[in-house]
């Protein structure tokens, strides 16, 4: 999973993306698979440095503060944490070595002291520009300019060639390396982290749909050029969440923050249900009324589950505030509802259908079983009863 650039708090757009792949991880674990999950954090990049300069905060302090807030928000939403949570600043030598290897192979070139990826030289049966995004050149150029590229820079062999290594700039962080003092470009870091912590091709590379181009396109290209293998078998993208008629984003300032909702008294489970009520690939717009619907649904589910509460559990049971799902990674005998939930989620993570299945079961006046309640916990991440009850 492509992680955050930590310069502002977690908004519902972030939560929507990470919840999508949390659902996938839960389904895989329930199916008995061993899952290895890596996520990066881009803790040195232009937006972070700009925010730090504007607020007068050291960029490292800002990054650390926002990473802690993000991880706290993920715990509130009971997102299963990755096995490897890797900051870009932790892999600077590995990234620099990868850039050096691309230069040696003739797949990268310099403009002044900066290093760029030569997408034409990198073309191979494994990757060619456009393989992942399926976009035409005009769209690529527009998105490159919009999303951190520099298609107008003089001296580039192709306007779409992305930056691999940014040479030292006055007042900006930099590190000595075999390719000169500087810092990584954007896409190369994800390629290096994925190849270092996972076996390629990885099963799924996930992120928001705004990463289709240029980020996932060139992450794939860098990995193919370095290893001769595809980065991933599948690229999956979560839809965008809007608010006030626009995509929810830091740059627009139309953010609905997870931490603020929780601080105002919103049950994190209601936030989770709001997100789960939309298919992960679809774009949708948040409104307070959607959260109200989720709060009503949560109350109905809790009342139904109360009849399935079991006697007090042992003292070493999982604490109620744990982010770990109770049945993830274990095999258990399903009920009709449990099996239906598994079927719905196996169909391209159809979470709206899964929620509707629970609603229908309750509307049919069929009593809850402890297995039903535990399956909702494990598969949907919504804990309806405490294990300590």
Protein backbone atom coordinates (compact mmCIF):
# COMPACT_ATOMS: atom_id res chain seq x y z
CA UNK A 1 0.00 0.00 0.00
CA UNK A 2 1.17 3.49 -0.82
CA UNK A 3 1.15 5.42 2.43
CA UNK A 4 0.69 9.03 3.41
CA UNK A 5 2.82 12.11 3.03
CA UNK A 6 2.52 13.22 6.67
CA UNK A 7 1.80 16.93 6.61
CA UNK A 8 -1.86 16.97 7.68
CA UNK A 9 -4.23 14.77 9.66
CA UNK A 10 -6.10 11.75 8.34
CA UNK A 11 -9.24 12.65 6.41
CA UNK A 12 -12.05 10.37 5.25
CA UNK A 13 -10.45 10.01 1.83
CA UNK A 14 -7.41 8.41 3.45
CA UNK A 15 -9.61 6.26 5.66
CA UNK A 16 -11.65 5.09 2.67
CA UNK A 17 -8.51 3.88 0.89
CA UNK A 18 -6.94 2.10 3.85
CA UNK A 19 -10.25 0.52 4.83
CA UNK A 20 -10.60 -0.97 1.34
CA UNK A 21 -7.35 -2.89 1.68
CA UNK A 22 -8.03 -3.68 5.33
CA UNK A 23 -11.11 -5.54 4.05
CA UNK A 24 -8.93 -7.42 1.57
CA UNK A 25 -6.41 -8.37 4.27
CA UNK A 26 -9.20 -9.58 6.56
CA UNK A 27 -10.73 -11.70 3.78
CA UNK A 28 -7.37 -13.26 2.91
CA UNK A 29 -6.59 -14.04 6.55
CA UNK A 30 -10.04 -15.53 7.04
CA UNK A 31 -9.33 -17.73 4.02
CA UNK A 32 -6.20 -19.11 5.66
CA UNK A 33 -3.60 -17.19 3.66
CA UNK A 34 -0.38 -15.86 5.13
CA UNK A 35 -0.36 -12.15 4.34
CA UNK A 36 2.68 -9.90 4.28
CA UNK A 37 1.78 -6.25 4.13
CA UNK A 38 4.13 -3.31 3.62
CA UNK A 39 3.24 0.38 3.63
CA UNK A 40 5.50 3.35 3.10
CA UNK A 41 5.36 6.82 4.56
CA UNK A 42 6.75 9.64 2.42
CA UNK A 43 8.33 11.57 5.26
CA UNK A 44 10.43 13.81 3.01
CA UNK A 45 8.74 15.47 0.02
CA UNK A 46 7.88 18.94 -1.26
CA UNK A 47 4.39 19.26 0.30
CA UNK A 48 5.74 18.29 3.73
CA UNK A 49 8.66 20.71 3.46
CA UNK A 50 6.37 23.51 2.28
CA UNK A 51 3.98 22.96 5.21
CA UNK A 52 6.86 22.85 7.68
CA UNK A 53 8.28 26.12 6.31
CA UNK A 54 4.86 27.81 6.37
CA UNK A 55 4.20 26.83 9.98
CA UNK A 56 7.75 27.28 11.28
CA UNK A 57 8.00 23.66 12.42
CA UNK A 58 10.98 21.41 11.80
CA UNK A 59 10.02 19.04 8.98
CA UNK A 60 11.07 15.99 11.01
CA UNK A 61 8.89 17.03 13.94
CA UNK A 62 5.93 17.67 11.64
CA UNK A 63 6.33 14.28 9.97
CA UNK A 64 6.63 12.41 13.28
CA UNK A 65 3.61 14.22 14.75
CA UNK A 66 1.42 13.50 11.72
CA UNK A 67 2.52 9.86 11.46
CA UNK A 68 1.55 9.33 15.09
CA UNK A 69 -1.83 10.97 14.47
CA UNK A 70 -2.41 8.86 11.36
CA UNK A 71 -1.57 5.62 13.14
CA UNK A 72 -3.85 6.59 16.02
CA UNK A 73 -6.69 7.21 13.56
CA UNK A 74 -6.07 3.80 11.97
CA UNK A 75 -6.26 2.17 15.41
CA UNK A 76 -9.54 3.95 16.15
CA UNK A 77 -10.95 2.53 12.90
CA UNK A 78 -9.48 -0.92 13.67
CA UNK A 79 -7.42 -1.06 10.49
CA UNK A 80 -5.13 -4.10 10.65
CA UNK A 81 -1.62 -2.59 10.73
CA UNK A 82 1.02 -3.49 8.13
CA UNK A 83 3.86 -5.84 8.98
CA UNK A 84 6.31 -3.28 7.62
CA UNK A 85 5.67 0.44 8.02
CA UNK A 86 8.65 2.05 6.32
CA UNK A 87 9.65 5.70 6.19
CA UNK A 88 11.48 6.94 3.10
CA UNK A 89 14.16 8.41 5.37
CA UNK A 90 14.87 4.86 6.59
CA UNK A 91 15.80 3.64 3.09
CA UNK A 92 17.80 6.53 1.64
CA UNK A 93 20.91 4.36 0.98
CA UNK A 94 18.83 1.67 -0.73
CA UNK A 95 17.08 4.24 -2.94
CA UNK A 96 20.39 5.88 -3.87
CA UNK A 97 21.85 2.48 -4.77
CA UNK A 98 18.83 1.78 -6.99
CA UNK A 99 19.28 5.12 -8.77
CA UNK A 100 22.96 4.35 -9.28
CA UNK A 101 22.06 0.97 -10.77
CA UNK A 102 19.66 2.62 -13.23
CA UNK A 103 22.35 5.12 -14.25
CA UNK A 104 24.86 2.30 -14.78
CA UNK A 105 22.31 0.43 -16.91
CA UNK A 106 21.68 3.46 -19.12
CA UNK A 107 18.06 3.72 -17.96
CA UNK A 108 18.59 7.03 -16.16
CA UNK A 109 20.32 10.29 -17.05
CA UNK A 110 21.35 13.55 -15.46
CA UNK A 111 20.15 17.10 -15.93
CA UNK A 112 22.65 19.16 -13.99
CA UNK A 113 22.95 17.09 -10.80
CA UNK A 114 19.38 15.74 -10.81
CA UNK A 115 18.71 12.22 -12.09
CA UNK A 116 15.75 11.27 -14.30
CA UNK A 117 14.28 7.93 -15.37
CA UNK A 118 14.44 7.27 -19.12
CA UNK A 119 11.10 5.62 -19.79
CA UNK A 120 11.96 4.84 -23.43
CA UNK A 121 15.21 3.10 -22.49
CA UNK A 122 13.34 1.18 -19.78
CA UNK A 123 10.74 -0.23 -22.18
CA UNK A 124 10.73 -4.03 -22.16
CA UNK A 125 8.34 -6.97 -22.39
CA UNK A 126 7.84 -6.52 -18.62
CA UNK A 127 6.90 -2.82 -18.70
CA UNK A 128 6.27 -0.09 -21.24
CA UNK A 129 4.88 3.36 -20.49
CA UNK A 130 1.10 3.11 -20.28
CA UNK A 131 0.93 -0.55 -19.30
CA UNK A 132 -0.48 0.18 -15.85
CA UNK A 133 -2.45 3.39 -16.35
CA UNK A 134 -3.84 2.68 -19.86
CA UNK A 135 -3.92 6.43 -20.46
CA UNK A 136 -3.19 8.37 -23.63
CA UNK A 137 -0.21 10.71 -23.79
CA UNK A 138 -2.21 13.93 -23.52
CA UNK A 139 -3.84 12.74 -20.31
CA UNK A 140 -0.48 11.62 -18.93
CA UNK A 141 1.03 15.05 -19.60
CA UNK A 142 -1.85 16.81 -17.88
CA UNK A 143 -1.70 14.53 -14.84
CA UNK A 144 2.08 14.78 -14.64
CA UNK A 145 1.85 18.57 -14.38
CA UNK A 146 -0.96 18.32 -11.84
CA UNK A 147 0.56 15.60 -9.65
CA UNK A 148 4.13 16.57 -8.94
CA UNK A 149 5.82 16.03 -12.29
CA UNK A 150 7.78 18.60 -14.27
CA UNK A 151 6.92 17.98 -17.95
CA UNK A 152 8.13 21.47 -18.94
CA UNK A 153 11.68 21.06 -17.64
CA UNK A 154 14.27 21.69 -20.32
CA UNK A 155 16.72 18.93 -21.13
CA UNK A 156 14.48 15.97 -20.45
CA UNK A 157 14.56 13.22 -23.06
CA UNK A 158 10.81 12.82 -22.66
CA UNK A 159 8.55 15.31 -20.92
CA UNK A 160 7.03 12.41 -18.96
CA UNK A 161 10.33 11.12 -17.55
CA UNK A 162 10.06 11.27 -13.73
CA UNK A 163 12.64 12.47 -11.24
CA UNK A 164 14.64 9.74 -9.51
CA UNK A 165 17.02 11.84 -7.39
CA UNK A 166 16.82 15.54 -6.54
CA UNK A 167 20.22 17.13 -6.01
CA UNK A 168 20.77 19.19 -2.87
CA UNK A 169 18.79 22.43 -2.70
CA UNK A 170 19.54 25.25 -0.28
CA UNK A 171 17.57 24.95 2.93
CA UNK A 172 16.21 21.47 2.12
CA UNK A 173 17.20 18.12 3.65
CA UNK A 174 19.69 16.02 1.73
CA UNK A 175 21.88 12.98 2.15
CA UNK A 176 25.29 12.05 0.69
CA UNK A 177 25.11 9.14 -1.75
CA UNK A 178 26.86 7.45 -4.68
CA UNK A 179 24.76 9.59 -7.04
CA UNK A 180 25.48 12.86 -5.26
CA UNK A 181 24.09 14.68 -2.25
CA UNK A 182 20.32 14.96 -2.44
CA UNK A 183 17.08 13.11 -1.75
CA UNK A 184 14.80 10.61 -3.53
CA UNK A 185 12.19 11.39 -6.11
CA UNK A 186 8.65 10.18 -5.44
CA UNK A 187 8.05 6.88 -7.28
CA UNK A 188 11.40 5.18 -6.77
CA UNK A 189 10.89 4.95 -3.02
CA UNK A 190 7.84 2.69 -3.30
CA UNK A 191 9.58 0.42 -5.78
CA UNK A 192 12.58 0.02 -3.50
CA UNK A 193 10.53 -0.55 -0.34
CA UNK A 194 8.27 -3.13 -2.02
CA UNK A 195 11.21 -5.04 -3.47
CA UNK A 196 13.15 -4.92 -0.20
CA UNK A 197 10.37 -6.05 2.14
CA UNK A 198 8.25 -8.27 -0.14
CA UNK A 199 8.82 -10.78 -2.90
CA UNK A 200 8.06 -9.45 -6.37
CA UNK A 201 5.81 -9.64 -8.13
CA UNK A 202 3.69 -8.84 -5.10
CA UNK A 203 0.05 -9.92 -5.27
CA UNK A 204 -1.55 -6.47 -5.00
CA UNK A 205 -0.26 -2.91 -5.13
CA UNK A 206 -2.94 -0.70 -3.64
CA UNK A 207 -3.69 2.99 -3.35
CA UNK A 208 -6.16 5.69 -4.25
CA UNK A 209 -7.24 6.24 -7.84
CA UNK A 210 -5.22 9.49 -7.88
CA UNK A 211 -2.09 7.29 -7.85
CA UNK A 212 -2.82 5.54 -11.15
CA UNK A 213 -0.61 8.07 -12.93
CA UNK A 214 2.14 8.95 -12.51
CA UNK A 215 2.86 7.14 -9.25
CA UNK A 216 1.84 3.54 -9.88
CA UNK A 217 2.83 3.73 -13.54
CA UNK A 218 6.41 4.68 -12.74
CA UNK A 219 6.71 2.59 -9.57
CA UNK A 220 6.02 -0.34 -11.87
CA UNK A 221 8.51 0.93 -14.43
CA UNK A 222 11.29 1.42 -11.87
CA UNK A 223 10.78 -2.04 -10.39
CA UNK A 224 10.78 -3.71 -13.80
CA UNK A 225 13.96 -1.89 -14.79
CA UNK A 226 15.70 -2.87 -11.55
CA UNK A 227 14.63 -6.50 -11.30
CA UNK A 228 13.39 -7.60 -14.72
CA UNK A 229 10.15 -8.65 -13.03
CA UNK A 230 6.75 -6.96 -12.67
CA UNK A 231 6.22 -5.09 -9.42
CA UNK A 232 2.72 -6.47 -8.89
CA UNK A 233 0.24 -8.92 -10.30
CA UNK A 234 -2.62 -6.48 -9.76
CA UNK A 235 -2.93 -2.73 -9.26
CA UNK A 236 -6.06 -1.84 -7.31
CA UNK A 237 -7.35 1.67 -6.73
CA UNK A 238 -9.88 3.04 -4.26
CA UNK A 239 -12.25 5.79 -5.33
CA UNK A 240 -12.15 9.39 -4.22
CA UNK A 241 -14.33 10.81 -1.45
CA UNK A 242 -15.77 14.25 -2.10
CA UNK A 243 -17.10 16.99 0.14
CA UNK A 244 -18.74 20.28 -0.78
CA UNK A 245 -18.73 19.29 -4.44
CA UNK A 246 -14.97 18.64 -4.70
CA UNK A 247 -12.57 15.76 -4.14
CA UNK A 248 -11.57 15.78 -0.47
CA UNK A 249 -7.94 16.89 -0.38
CA UNK A 250 -5.44 18.78 1.69
CA UNK A 251 -4.74 21.24 -1.10
CA UNK A 252 -8.42 22.25 -1.32
CA UNK A 253 -8.83 22.34 2.45
CA UNK A 254 -12.23 20.57 2.36
CA UNK A 255 -11.24 17.90 4.84
CA UNK A 256 -13.42 15.85 7.15
CA UNK A 257 -10.89 14.60 9.69
CA UNK A 258 -11.25 11.25 11.41
CA UNK A 259 -9.71 12.58 14.62
CA UNK A 260 -12.10 15.54 14.72
CA UNK A 261 -15.15 13.32 14.24
CA UNK A 262 -13.99 11.05 17.07
CA UNK A 263 -13.17 14.00 19.33
CA UNK A 264 -16.68 15.32 18.69
CA UNK A 265 -18.12 12.05 19.99
CA UNK A 266 -18.68 10.02 16.81
CA UNK A 267 -18.31 6.28 17.36
CA UNK A 268 -15.43 5.08 15.12
CA UNK A 269 -17.58 2.08 14.19
CA UNK A 270 -20.11 4.44 12.63
CA UNK A 271 -17.33 6.03 10.58
CA UNK A 272 -16.28 2.57 9.45
CA UNK A 273 -19.86 1.65 8.50
CA UNK A 274 -20.21 4.90 6.55
CA UNK A 275 -17.17 3.98 4.47
CA UNK A 276 -18.12 0.31 4.07
CA UNK A 277 -21.51 1.36 2.66
CA UNK A 278 -19.75 2.47 -0.55
CA UNK A 279 -17.95 0.18 -2.96
CA UNK A 280 -14.23 0.76 -2.65
CA UNK A 281 -13.70 1.56 -6.35
CA UNK A 282 -16.49 4.14 -6.58
CA UNK A 283 -16.27 7.90 -6.10
CA UNK A 284 -18.80 9.33 -3.66
CA UNK A 285 -19.53 12.42 -1.60
CA UNK A 286 -19.63 12.51 2.18
CA UNK A 287 -22.45 14.19 4.05
CA UNK A 288 -23.43 14.25 7.69
CA UNK A 289 -26.66 12.43 6.78
CA UNK A 290 -24.61 9.39 5.69
CA UNK A 291 -22.99 9.31 9.11
CA UNK A 292 -26.42 9.53 10.76
CA UNK A 293 -27.58 6.52 8.71
CA UNK A 294 -24.51 4.61 9.87
CA UNK A 295 -25.14 5.52 13.51
CA UNK A 296 -28.71 4.22 13.25
CA UNK A 297 -27.47 1.03 11.58
CA UNK A 298 -24.90 0.52 14.33
CA UNK A 299 -27.55 0.88 17.03
CA UNK A 300 -29.78 -1.67 15.28
CA UNK A 301 -26.92 -4.13 14.89
CA UNK A 302 -25.91 -3.76 18.53
CA UNK A 303 -29.45 -4.40 19.75
CA UNK A 304 -29.62 -7.54 17.57
CA UNK A 305 -26.20 -8.75 18.74
CA UNK A 306 -27.01 -8.25 22.42
CA UNK A 307 -28.98 -11.50 22.45
CA UNK A 308 -25.86 -13.37 21.34
CA UNK A 309 -23.64 -12.09 24.14
CA UNK A 310 -21.84 -15.00 25.76
CA UNK A 311 -20.82 -15.42 29.43
CA UNK A 312 -17.73 -13.66 30.73
CA UNK A 313 -14.57 -14.62 28.90
CA UNK A 314 -11.22 -15.47 30.40
CA UNK A 315 -9.01 -12.70 31.71
CA UNK A 316 -6.55 -13.09 28.83
CA UNK A 317 -9.17 -12.39 26.14
CA UNK A 318 -8.42 -9.72 23.55
CA UNK A 319 -9.00 -6.23 25.03
CA UNK A 320 -12.00 -4.38 23.67
CA UNK A 321 -9.86 -1.58 22.24
CA UNK A 322 -7.54 -3.88 20.31
CA UNK A 323 -7.20 -3.25 16.56
CA UNK A 324 -6.82 -6.97 15.95
CA UNK A 325 -9.96 -8.70 14.63
CA UNK A 326 -11.00 -11.60 16.81
CA UNK A 327 -11.18 -14.32 14.15
CA UNK A 328 -8.79 -13.10 11.49
CA UNK A 329 -6.33 -15.83 10.63
CA UNK A 330 -8.36 -18.61 12.22
CA UNK A 331 -10.65 -21.21 10.73
CA UNK A 332 -14.17 -21.40 12.11
CA UNK A 333 -17.39 -23.06 11.07
CA UNK A 334 -19.67 -20.52 9.45
CA UNK A 335 -23.37 -19.93 9.63
CA UNK A 336 -25.60 -19.02 6.71
CA UNK A 337 -24.88 -15.34 7.34
CA UNK A 338 -21.15 -15.89 7.77
CA UNK A 339 -20.91 -17.77 4.49
CA UNK A 340 -22.96 -15.09 2.72
CA UNK A 341 -20.63 -12.37 4.02
CA UNK A 342 -17.62 -14.28 2.74
CA UNK A 343 -19.25 -14.67 -0.67
CA UNK A 344 -20.09 -10.97 -0.92
CA UNK A 345 -16.61 -9.84 0.05
CA UNK A 346 -15.01 -12.34 -2.33
CA UNK A 347 -16.90 -10.59 -5.15
CA UNK A 348 -14.57 -7.58 -5.55
CA UNK A 349 -14.94 -6.62 -1.89
CA UNK A 350 -18.65 -5.86 -2.16
CA UNK A 351 -19.00 -4.29 1.28
CA UNK A 352 -22.37 -2.56 0.58
CA UNK A 353 -23.83 -5.98 -0.18
CA UNK A 354 -22.28 -7.38 3.00
CA UNK A 355 -23.90 -4.65 5.12
CA UNK A 356 -27.24 -5.28 3.38
CA UNK A 357 -26.98 -8.98 4.24
CA UNK A 358 -26.73 -8.17 7.95
CA UNK A 359 -29.61 -5.70 7.65
CA UNK A 360 -31.75 -8.35 5.95
CA UNK A 361 -30.95 -10.95 8.59
CA UNK A 362 -32.00 -8.56 11.35
CA UNK A 363 -35.18 -7.55 9.47
CA UNK A 364 -36.10 -11.23 9.19
CA UNK A 365 -36.14 -11.50 13.00
CA UNK A 366 -33.54 -14.26 12.89
CA UNK A 367 -31.66 -14.22 16.19
CA UNK A 368 -27.95 -13.50 16.20
CA UNK A 369 -25.49 -16.28 16.94
CA UNK A 370 -22.13 -15.69 18.52
CA UNK A 371 -20.56 -16.89 15.25
CA UNK A 372 -22.50 -14.25 13.31
CA UNK A 373 -21.31 -11.53 15.68
CA UNK A 374 -17.72 -12.75 15.55
CA UNK A 375 -17.82 -12.94 11.74
CA UNK A 376 -19.02 -9.32 11.53
CA UNK A 377 -16.11 -8.43 13.79
CA UNK A 378 -13.51 -10.39 11.81
CA UNK A 379 -14.65 -9.68 8.26
CA UNK A 380 -16.12 -6.17 8.55
CA UNK A 381 -14.12 -4.94 11.52
CA UNK A 382 -17.22 -3.90 13.45
CA UNK A 383 -17.17 -5.15 17.02
CA UNK A 384 -20.70 -5.36 18.36
CA UNK A 385 -19.96 -6.93 21.73
CA UNK A 386 -16.93 -6.86 23.95
CA UNK A 387 -15.01 -10.09 24.38
CA UNK A 388 -14.82 -9.16 28.04
CA UNK A 389 -18.61 -9.08 28.49
